[in-house]
Every structure is written in structure tokens, then in C-alpha cells.
Amino acid sequence: MPVVNIQMLEGRTPEQKENLIKEVTDAVVRTTGAKKEAVTIIISDMKKEDYGHGGEVIK
């Protein structure tokens, strides 16, 4: 049962997330041979002020 966690900055539309889930699921099925029904995708949106890169908060 593959579980994929995706963390990204907030701001994507529901449609973009739906497409991402479909594409990642297809990639997991294709590369691992897992059944589509066994693949779980979890998207965690992060607020920009809760994320830093290179010592700086993303704004």
C-alpha cells in the first residue's frame, strides 16, 4: 500500500490538486506495479509564513 505525502505552499486550486493526485497515482502504479486502489496520496498545504528556505521565511 504505497502512501505518498506531498507538502507544498498553499494556493493551488482544487482542480490542480485533483490533477496532481491523478498523475502521482498513475506514476506510482506504473513504476511499482501497485494497484490503483491501493495508492494513497496526502497533500498538506503550508502557509507561506510557516515555511522557510535558506534562512528566510517565504513571503
C-alpha atoms as a PDB file:
ATOM      1  CA  MET A   1       0.000   0.000   0.000  1.00  0.00           C
ATOM      2  CA  PRO A   2       2.035   2.993  -1.200  1.00  0.00           C
ATOM      3  CA  VAL A   3       1.391   6.243   0.658  1.00  0.00           C
ATOM      4  CA  VAL A   4       2.701   9.459  -0.877  1.00  0.00           C
ATOM      5  CA  ASN A   5       2.906  12.653   1.186  1.00  0.00           C
ATOM      6  CA  ILE A   6       3.117  15.915  -0.748  1.00  0.00           C
ATOM      7  CA  GLN A   7       3.863  19.133   1.091  1.00  0.00           C
ATOM      8  CA  MET A   8       3.549  22.357  -0.845  1.00  0.00           C
ATOM      9  CA  LEU A   9       2.814  26.004  -0.328  1.00  0.00           C
ATOM     10  CA  GLU A  10      -0.858  26.899  -0.305  1.00  0.00           C
ATOM     11  CA  GLY A  11      -2.502  28.463  -3.319  1.00  0.00           C
ATOM     12  CA  ARG A  12      -3.336  25.577  -5.646  1.00  0.00           C
ATOM     13  CA  THR A  13      -6.903  25.172  -6.825  1.00  0.00           C
ATOM     14  CA  PRO A  14      -8.943  22.049  -6.085  1.00  0.00           C
ATOM     15  CA  GLU A  15      -8.662  21.181  -9.778  1.00  0.00           C
ATOM     16  CA  GLN A  16      -4.860  21.400  -9.671  1.00  0.00           C
ATOM     17  CA  LYS A  17      -4.780  19.151  -6.605  1.00  0.00           C
ATOM     18  CA  GLU A  18      -7.108  16.661  -8.263  1.00  0.00           C
ATOM     19  CA  ASN A  19      -4.858  16.522 -11.326  1.00  0.00           C
ATOM     20  CA  LEU A  20      -1.785  16.127  -9.128  1.00  0.00           C
ATOM     21  CA  ILE A  21      -3.389  13.224  -7.267  1.00  0.00           C
ATOM     22  CA  LYS A  22      -4.297  11.504 -10.540  1.00  0.00           C
ATOM     23  CA  GLU A  23      -0.846  11.992 -12.079  1.00  0.00           C
ATOM     24  CA  VAL A  24       1.075  10.878  -8.985  1.00  0.00           C
ATOM     25  CA  THR A  25      -1.188   7.852  -8.573  1.00  0.00           C
ATOM     26  CA  ASP A  26      -0.598   6.870 -12.194  1.00  0.00           C
ATOM     27  CA  ALA A  27       3.177   7.248 -11.732  1.00  0.00           C
ATOM     28  CA  VAL A  28       3.168   5.066  -8.624  1.00  0.00           C
ATOM     29  CA  VAL A  29       1.088   2.393 -10.351  1.00  0.00           C
ATOM     30  CA  ARG A  30       3.320   2.469 -13.425  1.00  0.00           C
ATOM     31  CA  THR A  31       6.638   2.338 -11.554  1.00  0.00           C
ATOM     32  CA  THR A  32       5.778  -0.007  -8.670  1.00  0.00           C
ATOM     33  CA  GLY A  33       3.078  -2.247 -10.078  1.00  0.00           C
ATOM     34  CA  ALA A  34       0.775  -1.362  -7.173  1.00  0.00           C
ATOM     35  CA  LYS A  35      -2.937  -1.440  -7.803  1.00  0.00           C
ATOM     36  CA  LYS A  36      -4.518   1.982  -8.241  1.00  0.00           C
ATOM     37  CA  GLU A  37      -6.939   1.264  -5.388  1.00  0.00           C
ATOM     38  CA  ALA A  38      -4.006   0.694  -3.019  1.00  0.00           C
ATOM     39  CA  VAL A  39      -2.347   4.084  -3.599  1.00  0.00           C
ATOM     40  CA  THR A  40      -2.973   6.862  -1.074  1.00  0.00           C
ATOM     41  CA  ILE A  41      -1.972  10.474  -1.724  1.00  0.00           C
ATOM     42  CA  ILE A  42      -1.900  13.037   1.101  1.00  0.00           C
ATOM     43  CA  ILE A  43      -1.496  16.725   0.245  1.00  0.00           C
ATOM     44  CA  SER A  44      -0.532  19.086   3.054  1.00  0.00           C
ATOM     45  CA  ASP A  45      -0.815  22.789   2.290  1.00  0.00           C
ATOM     46  CA  MET A  46       1.644  25.016   4.125  1.00  0.00           C
ATOM     47  CA  LYS A  47       1.105  28.681   4.781  1.00  0.00           C
ATOM     48  CA  LYS A  48       3.911  30.765   3.338  1.00  0.00           C
ATOM     49  CA  GLU A  49       4.716  32.240   6.741  1.00  0.00           C
ATOM     50  CA  ASP A  50       5.209  28.697   8.092  1.00  0.00           C
ATOM     51  CA  TYR A  51       7.909  27.826   5.542  1.00  0.00           C
ATOM     52  CA  GLY A  52      11.495  28.957   5.316  1.00  0.00           C
ATOM     53  CA  HIS A  53      14.236  28.356   2.792  1.00  0.00           C
ATOM     54  CA  GLY A  54      17.840  29.439   3.037  1.00  0.00           C
ATOM     55  CA  GLY A  55      17.242  31.035   6.423  1.00  0.00           C
ATOM     56  CA  GLU A  56      14.406  33.219   5.167  1.00  0.00           C
ATOM     57  CA  VAL A  57      10.643  32.965   5.585  1.00  0.00           C
ATOM     58  CA  ILE A  58       8.798  32.693   2.282  1.00  0.00           C
ATOM     59  CA  LYS A  59       6.582  35.740   1.717  1.00  0.00           C
END
